[in-house]
Amino acid sequence: MSHPAPDDRITVVGNVNLDVLVAGAAELPPPGTEQIVPSIVLRPGGSAANTAIVLARLGRPTVLAGRVGDDGTARLLADQLDIPGLRLELVRVPGEHTGVTVAAEAPGRDRAFLSALGAMADLDVSVVPTAALAARFVLLSGYFLLPALQGEPARDLLAQARQAGARTALDTGWDPAGWDAGTRADVLRLLREVDVFLPNDDELHALHGDRCDDEVAARSIADATGATVVVKRGARGALVARPGQPHSTHPAPEVQVRDSTGAGDAFNAGLLHRLADGASSDDAADYAVRVAATVISRPSHDRAFALEDVDR
């Protein structure tokens, strides 16, 4: 059976919400007290939205499909997502709230998140226009924040994307329920419909389930599922494991980190952008770590960058 040639775009499906970024919050103040922090910034968030924004800024025609409420937050997001090259397919649901995530970070500690799913809790395959599946890549992002799409619906979506001629990618994010055995088995089944899997190192080991090196865990999952596993390792860069092939590592450039939120999403965008142009997974990973480094070196209130910034 022949399929139409995929469009040059990348379609991103998943969590779209407002991010409230709190800097300098090492811990919550005691009840009844107040703490002054260096900054609190509002901007579009969710791994799907973050990735789509960076893709568009890289010059890639991009479709972002998601589900939001019909409220002031949704209108704010629509205004801030009005970016050249980014087409929004956001279903607005009357009477529901748009999702919001509060992200807190401080020097010397990893980021922590509080999320209210709002309308995206009921996101399903109906939010994705059929025409949007004819793309270079279809990325499903924020899997664990999309309860109505988990399991068989997600497998159907990715299978439909492949039938439309797209390659598929998956970023699950962290499982708030703790990666029990059933969840790990479900994700491994889902990966059989995935060409490129995009975990960070914590998610990789949670899915694998055994204590071992990144290389061993990534190769094990790649060989078991047939997906190329690209592991985001923060300051250590990235690791690529292809089924039946040696792994490769890709160091990250040293930069002054001003806001690490969205680093992995920027990496995803850089990787898929280059893969869509026909680059090898190694070349794409080298580019992706530079994109992520460029984004996290910018302030929270202004993540826009020029293409020449990536190649410095």
Protein backbone atom coordinates (compact mmCIF):
# COMPACT_ATOMS: atom_id res chain seq x y z
CA MET A 1 0.00 0.00 0.00
CA SER A 2 1.45 3.41 -0.94
CA HIS A 3 1.19 6.47 1.26
CA PRO A 4 1.43 10.16 0.43
CA ALA A 5 4.84 11.75 0.88
CA PRO A 6 5.10 13.33 4.34
CA ASP A 7 4.94 17.07 4.64
CA ASP A 8 8.09 18.93 5.71
CA ARG A 9 6.49 19.82 9.03
CA ILE A 10 6.77 18.20 12.43
CA THR A 11 3.56 17.64 14.39
CA VAL A 12 3.75 17.75 18.17
CA VAL A 13 0.87 16.29 20.21
CA GLY A 14 0.59 16.62 23.96
CA ASN A 15 0.61 18.83 27.00
CA VAL A 16 0.09 22.55 26.49
CA ASN A 17 -0.22 24.64 29.62
CA LEU A 18 0.86 27.84 31.32
CA ASP A 19 4.18 27.65 33.17
CA VAL A 20 4.67 29.67 36.33
CA LEU A 21 8.44 29.69 36.84
CA VAL A 22 9.64 30.49 40.35
CA ALA A 23 13.36 31.19 40.65
CA GLY A 24 15.32 30.88 43.87
CA ALA A 25 12.78 28.67 45.64
CA ALA A 26 14.90 26.11 47.47
CA GLU A 27 11.92 25.22 49.69
CA LEU A 28 8.43 26.40 50.51
CA PRO A 29 8.19 29.03 53.23
CA PRO A 30 6.64 27.88 56.53
CA PRO A 31 2.83 28.14 56.73
CA GLY A 32 1.60 31.68 57.31
CA THR A 33 4.85 33.31 56.15
CA GLU A 34 6.05 34.88 52.92
CA GLN A 35 9.27 34.58 50.97
CA ILE A 36 10.66 36.99 48.37
CA VAL A 37 12.19 35.28 45.33
CA PRO A 38 14.32 36.76 42.52
CA SER A 39 11.65 36.33 39.84
CA ILE A 40 8.35 34.72 38.87
CA VAL A 41 7.74 34.41 35.13
CA LEU A 42 4.63 33.34 33.19
CA ARG A 43 5.12 31.73 29.78
CA PRO A 44 3.79 28.90 27.59
CA GLY A 45 4.76 25.52 28.98
CA GLY A 46 4.30 21.80 28.80
CA SER A 47 6.85 19.67 27.02
CA ALA A 48 4.78 19.60 23.81
CA ALA A 49 4.45 23.39 23.64
CA ASN A 50 8.09 23.95 24.60
CA THR A 51 9.29 21.62 21.86
CA ALA A 52 6.99 23.15 19.24
CA ILE A 53 8.19 26.67 20.07
CA VAL A 54 11.85 25.74 19.60
CA LEU A 55 11.09 23.85 16.39
CA ALA A 56 9.40 26.92 14.93
CA ARG A 57 12.31 29.12 15.98
CA LEU A 58 14.66 26.71 14.22
CA GLY A 59 12.68 27.35 11.03
CA ARG A 60 10.74 24.07 11.00
CA PRO A 61 7.05 24.27 10.00
CA THR A 62 5.35 22.92 13.09
CA VAL A 63 1.85 21.91 14.17
CA LEU A 64 1.00 21.88 17.88
CA ALA A 65 -2.07 19.83 18.83
CA GLY A 66 -3.49 19.96 22.34
CA ARG A 67 -6.49 20.66 24.54
CA VAL A 68 -7.05 23.79 26.63
CA GLY A 69 -9.87 25.48 28.47
CA ASP A 70 -11.86 28.41 27.16
CA ASP A 71 -10.49 30.85 29.73
CA GLY A 72 -8.13 33.77 30.09
CA THR A 73 -5.16 31.43 30.43
CA ALA A 74 -5.92 29.89 27.03
CA ARG A 75 -6.14 33.34 25.46
CA LEU A 76 -2.81 34.30 27.03
CA LEU A 77 -1.23 31.13 25.65
CA ALA A 78 -2.63 31.73 22.17
CA ASP A 79 -1.12 35.21 22.15
CA GLN A 80 2.29 34.00 23.29
CA LEU A 81 2.22 31.05 20.87
CA ASP A 82 1.65 33.35 17.90
CA ILE A 83 5.07 32.51 16.41
CA PRO A 84 5.93 32.40 12.70
CA GLY A 85 5.95 28.80 11.46
CA LEU A 86 3.85 27.45 14.33
CA ARG A 87 0.27 26.38 13.56
CA LEU A 88 -1.97 25.83 16.55
CA GLU A 89 -4.54 23.04 16.68
CA LEU A 90 -5.68 23.69 20.24
CA VAL A 91 -9.18 22.50 21.09
CA ARG A 92 -10.81 24.97 23.47
CA VAL A 93 -13.28 23.35 25.87
CA PRO A 94 -15.98 25.58 27.40
CA GLY A 95 -16.28 25.33 31.15
CA GLU A 96 -12.85 23.81 31.70
CA HIS A 97 -9.62 25.35 32.94
CA THR A 98 -6.37 25.37 31.01
CA GLY A 99 -3.56 23.33 32.58
CA VAL A 100 -1.02 25.13 34.75
CA THR A 101 2.38 24.01 36.02
CA VAL A 102 4.36 25.72 38.76
CA ALA A 103 8.08 25.02 38.37
CA ALA A 104 10.47 25.91 41.20
CA GLU A 105 14.22 25.83 40.98
CA ALA A 106 17.18 27.14 42.91
CA PRO A 107 20.97 26.76 42.75
CA GLY A 108 22.10 23.38 44.00
CA ARG A 109 18.77 21.57 43.62
CA ASP A 110 16.89 19.97 40.77
CA ARG A 111 13.63 21.46 39.50
CA ALA A 112 10.34 20.49 41.13
CA PHE A 113 6.89 20.76 39.55
CA LEU A 114 3.28 21.10 40.65
CA SER A 115 0.76 20.59 37.84
CA ALA A 116 -3.00 20.92 37.46
CA LEU A 117 -3.99 19.12 34.25
CA GLY A 118 -7.20 21.00 33.52
CA ALA A 119 -8.56 20.37 30.04
CA MET A 120 -5.61 18.30 28.89
CA ALA A 121 -6.67 15.46 31.21
CA ASP A 122 -9.22 14.46 28.55
CA LEU A 123 -7.00 14.93 25.50
CA ASP A 124 -7.52 12.09 23.03
CA VAL A 125 -6.80 11.33 19.38
CA SER A 126 -9.67 13.55 18.25
CA VAL A 127 -7.57 16.69 18.84
CA VAL A 128 -5.16 15.71 16.06
CA PRO A 129 -6.33 16.59 12.53
CA THR A 130 -5.80 13.66 10.18
CA ALA A 131 -3.86 15.86 7.76
CA ALA A 132 -1.37 16.76 10.50
CA LEU A 133 -0.20 13.13 10.67
CA ALA A 134 1.39 13.41 7.21
CA ALA A 135 4.57 14.92 8.62
CA ARG A 136 8.28 14.16 8.80
CA PHE A 137 7.81 13.33 12.46
CA VAL A 138 4.89 13.04 14.85
CA LEU A 139 6.03 13.55 18.43
CA LEU A 140 3.86 12.52 21.38
CA SER A 141 5.07 14.47 24.40
CA GLY A 142 3.96 14.56 28.03
CA TYR A 143 2.46 11.07 27.92
CA PHE A 144 1.98 10.72 31.68
CA LEU A 145 0.07 14.01 31.85
CA LEU A 146 -2.47 12.76 29.28
CA PRO A 147 -4.45 10.02 31.07
CA ALA A 148 -7.14 9.72 28.35
CA LEU A 149 -4.48 8.99 25.73
CA GLN A 150 -2.43 6.42 27.60
CA GLY A 151 -2.22 2.81 26.47
CA GLU A 152 -4.10 1.69 23.37
CA PRO A 153 -5.15 5.20 22.23
CA ALA A 154 -1.51 6.30 22.12
CA ARG A 155 -0.51 3.17 20.20
CA ASP A 156 -3.33 3.83 17.70
CA LEU A 157 -2.21 7.45 17.24
CA LEU A 158 1.40 6.50 16.57
CA ALA A 159 0.37 3.66 14.26
CA GLN A 160 -1.81 6.08 12.28
CA ALA A 161 1.12 8.48 12.01
CA ARG A 162 3.33 5.74 10.60
CA GLN A 163 0.62 4.78 8.13
CA ALA A 164 0.51 8.42 7.00
CA GLY A 165 4.25 8.28 6.26
CA ALA A 166 5.59 9.93 9.42
CA ARG A 167 8.34 8.75 11.69
CA THR A 168 7.29 8.70 15.33
CA ALA A 169 8.86 9.97 18.52
CA LEU A 170 7.89 9.74 22.19
CA ASP A 171 8.80 11.70 25.31
CA THR A 172 6.88 10.24 28.24
CA GLY A 173 8.14 12.56 30.94
CA TRP A 174 8.18 11.31 34.52
CA ASP A 175 5.45 8.99 35.82
CA PRO A 176 3.91 10.69 38.90
CA ALA A 177 2.53 7.29 39.98
CA GLY A 178 5.99 5.78 40.35
CA TRP A 179 6.70 3.51 37.35
CA ASP A 180 5.12 0.31 38.60
CA ALA A 181 5.53 -2.94 36.66
CA GLY A 182 2.31 -2.44 34.69
CA THR A 183 3.34 1.03 33.60
CA ARG A 184 6.78 -0.14 32.49
CA ALA A 185 5.22 -2.96 30.45
CA ASP A 186 2.75 -0.54 28.86
CA VAL A 187 5.49 1.89 27.81
CA LEU A 188 7.62 -0.91 26.39
CA ARG A 189 4.63 -2.05 24.28
CA LEU A 190 4.10 1.53 23.13
CA LEU A 191 7.73 1.79 22.05
CA ARG A 192 7.11 -0.81 19.35
CA GLU A 193 5.28 1.98 17.49
CA VAL A 194 8.08 4.50 18.14
CA ASP A 195 11.10 5.30 15.99
CA VAL A 196 12.84 7.65 18.44
CA PHE A 197 12.42 7.44 22.23
CA LEU A 198 13.50 10.53 24.20
CA PRO A 199 13.87 9.83 27.95
CA ASN A 200 16.14 11.60 30.38
CA ASP A 201 18.49 9.44 32.43
CA ASP A 202 16.10 9.16 35.41
CA GLU A 203 13.22 8.08 33.16
CA LEU A 204 15.48 5.62 31.35
CA HIS A 205 16.40 3.79 34.54
CA ALA A 206 12.87 3.91 35.93
CA LEU A 207 11.63 2.22 32.75
CA HIS A 208 14.46 -0.31 32.63
CA GLY A 209 13.94 -1.26 36.27
CA ASP A 210 17.47 -2.50 37.07
CA ARG A 211 20.55 -0.75 38.43
CA CYS A 212 23.02 -0.47 35.57
CA ASP A 213 24.91 2.01 33.44
CA ASP A 214 23.04 4.33 31.07
CA GLU A 215 24.60 2.49 28.14
CA VAL A 216 23.34 -0.91 29.27
CA ALA A 217 19.82 0.33 30.01
CA ALA A 218 19.51 2.23 26.72
CA ARG A 219 20.84 -0.67 24.62
CA SER A 220 18.52 -3.11 26.39
CA ILE A 221 15.44 -1.00 25.64
CA ALA A 222 16.53 -0.31 22.05
CA ASP A 223 17.12 -3.99 21.33
CA ALA A 224 13.85 -5.05 22.98
CA THR A 225 11.63 -2.54 21.20
CA GLY A 226 13.35 -1.55 17.94
CA ALA A 227 13.31 2.16 18.89
CA THR A 228 16.38 4.36 18.77
CA VAL A 229 16.85 5.53 22.38
CA VAL A 230 18.26 9.03 22.81
CA VAL A 231 19.00 9.74 26.46
CA LYS A 232 19.17 13.31 27.78
CA ARG A 233 21.82 13.50 30.51
CA GLY A 234 21.91 17.16 31.49
CA ALA A 235 25.42 18.55 31.79
CA ARG A 236 26.77 15.19 30.56
CA GLY A 237 25.11 15.69 27.18
CA ALA A 238 23.36 12.82 25.44
CA LEU A 239 23.66 9.13 24.65
CA VAL A 240 22.30 7.42 21.53
CA ALA A 241 21.54 3.68 21.46
CA ARG A 242 20.40 2.10 18.20
CA PRO A 243 19.07 -1.48 18.03
CA GLY A 244 21.95 -3.89 17.44
CA GLN A 245 24.58 -1.13 17.11
CA PRO A 246 27.22 0.43 19.38
CA HIS A 247 26.08 3.38 21.43
CA SER A 248 27.49 6.89 21.04
CA THR A 249 27.90 9.77 23.50
CA HIS A 250 27.57 13.48 22.78
CA PRO A 251 29.00 15.97 25.29
CA ALA A 252 27.20 19.19 26.08
CA PRO A 253 28.97 22.53 25.65
CA GLU A 254 29.70 24.45 28.84
CA VAL A 255 27.39 27.44 29.26
CA GLN A 256 26.16 29.62 32.08
CA VAL A 257 22.76 28.17 32.93
CA ARG A 258 20.20 30.90 33.51
CA ASP A 259 17.03 28.76 33.39
CA SER A 260 17.16 24.99 32.95
CA THR A 261 13.38 24.52 32.58
CA GLY A 262 12.65 23.20 29.08
CA ALA A 263 16.20 22.03 28.38
CA GLY A 264 15.09 18.54 27.42
CA ASP A 265 12.30 19.90 25.22
CA ALA A 266 14.78 22.13 23.38
CA PHE A 267 16.98 19.07 22.91
CA ASN A 268 14.02 17.15 21.44
CA ALA A 269 13.37 19.98 19.00
CA GLY A 270 16.96 20.16 17.81
CA LEU A 271 17.22 16.41 17.39
CA LEU A 272 13.97 15.97 15.44
CA HIS A 273 14.67 19.05 13.31
CA ARG A 274 17.97 17.60 12.13
CA LEU A 275 16.61 14.07 11.73
CA ALA A 276 13.79 15.47 9.59
CA ASP A 277 16.46 16.95 7.30
CA GLY A 278 18.05 13.52 6.89
CA ALA A 279 20.94 13.83 9.35
CA SER A 280 22.28 10.77 11.14
CA SER A 281 21.25 10.24 14.75
CA ASP A 282 24.80 11.11 15.86
CA ASP A 283 24.87 14.39 13.94
CA ALA A 284 21.37 15.20 15.17
CA ALA A 285 22.37 14.55 18.80
CA ASP A 286 25.40 16.84 18.46
CA TYR A 287 23.13 19.58 17.16
CA ALA A 288 20.49 18.94 19.83
CA VAL A 289 22.89 19.45 22.74
CA ARG A 290 23.89 22.79 21.22
CA VAL A 291 20.25 23.86 20.87
CA ALA A 292 19.53 22.92 24.50
CA ALA A 293 22.64 24.76 25.70
CA THR A 294 21.60 27.85 23.74
CA VAL A 295 18.11 27.89 25.27
CA ILE A 296 19.14 27.36 28.89
CA SER A 297 21.73 30.14 28.67
CA ARG A 298 18.93 32.65 28.04
CA PRO A 299 16.82 34.34 30.75
CA SER A 300 13.41 32.99 31.73
CA HIS A 301 11.54 35.97 30.28
CA ASP A 302 13.20 35.78 26.84
CA ARG A 303 13.95 32.33 25.42
CA ALA A 304 14.03 33.51 21.78
CA PHE A 305 17.34 32.88 20.02
CA ALA A 306 18.90 33.37 16.60
CA LEU A 307 20.03 30.40 14.52
CA GLU A 308 23.61 31.65 14.60
CA ASP A 309 23.54 31.39 18.38
CA VAL A 310 23.29 27.59 18.10
CA ASP A 311 26.46 27.30 16.01
CA ARG A 312 28.74 29.48 18.11
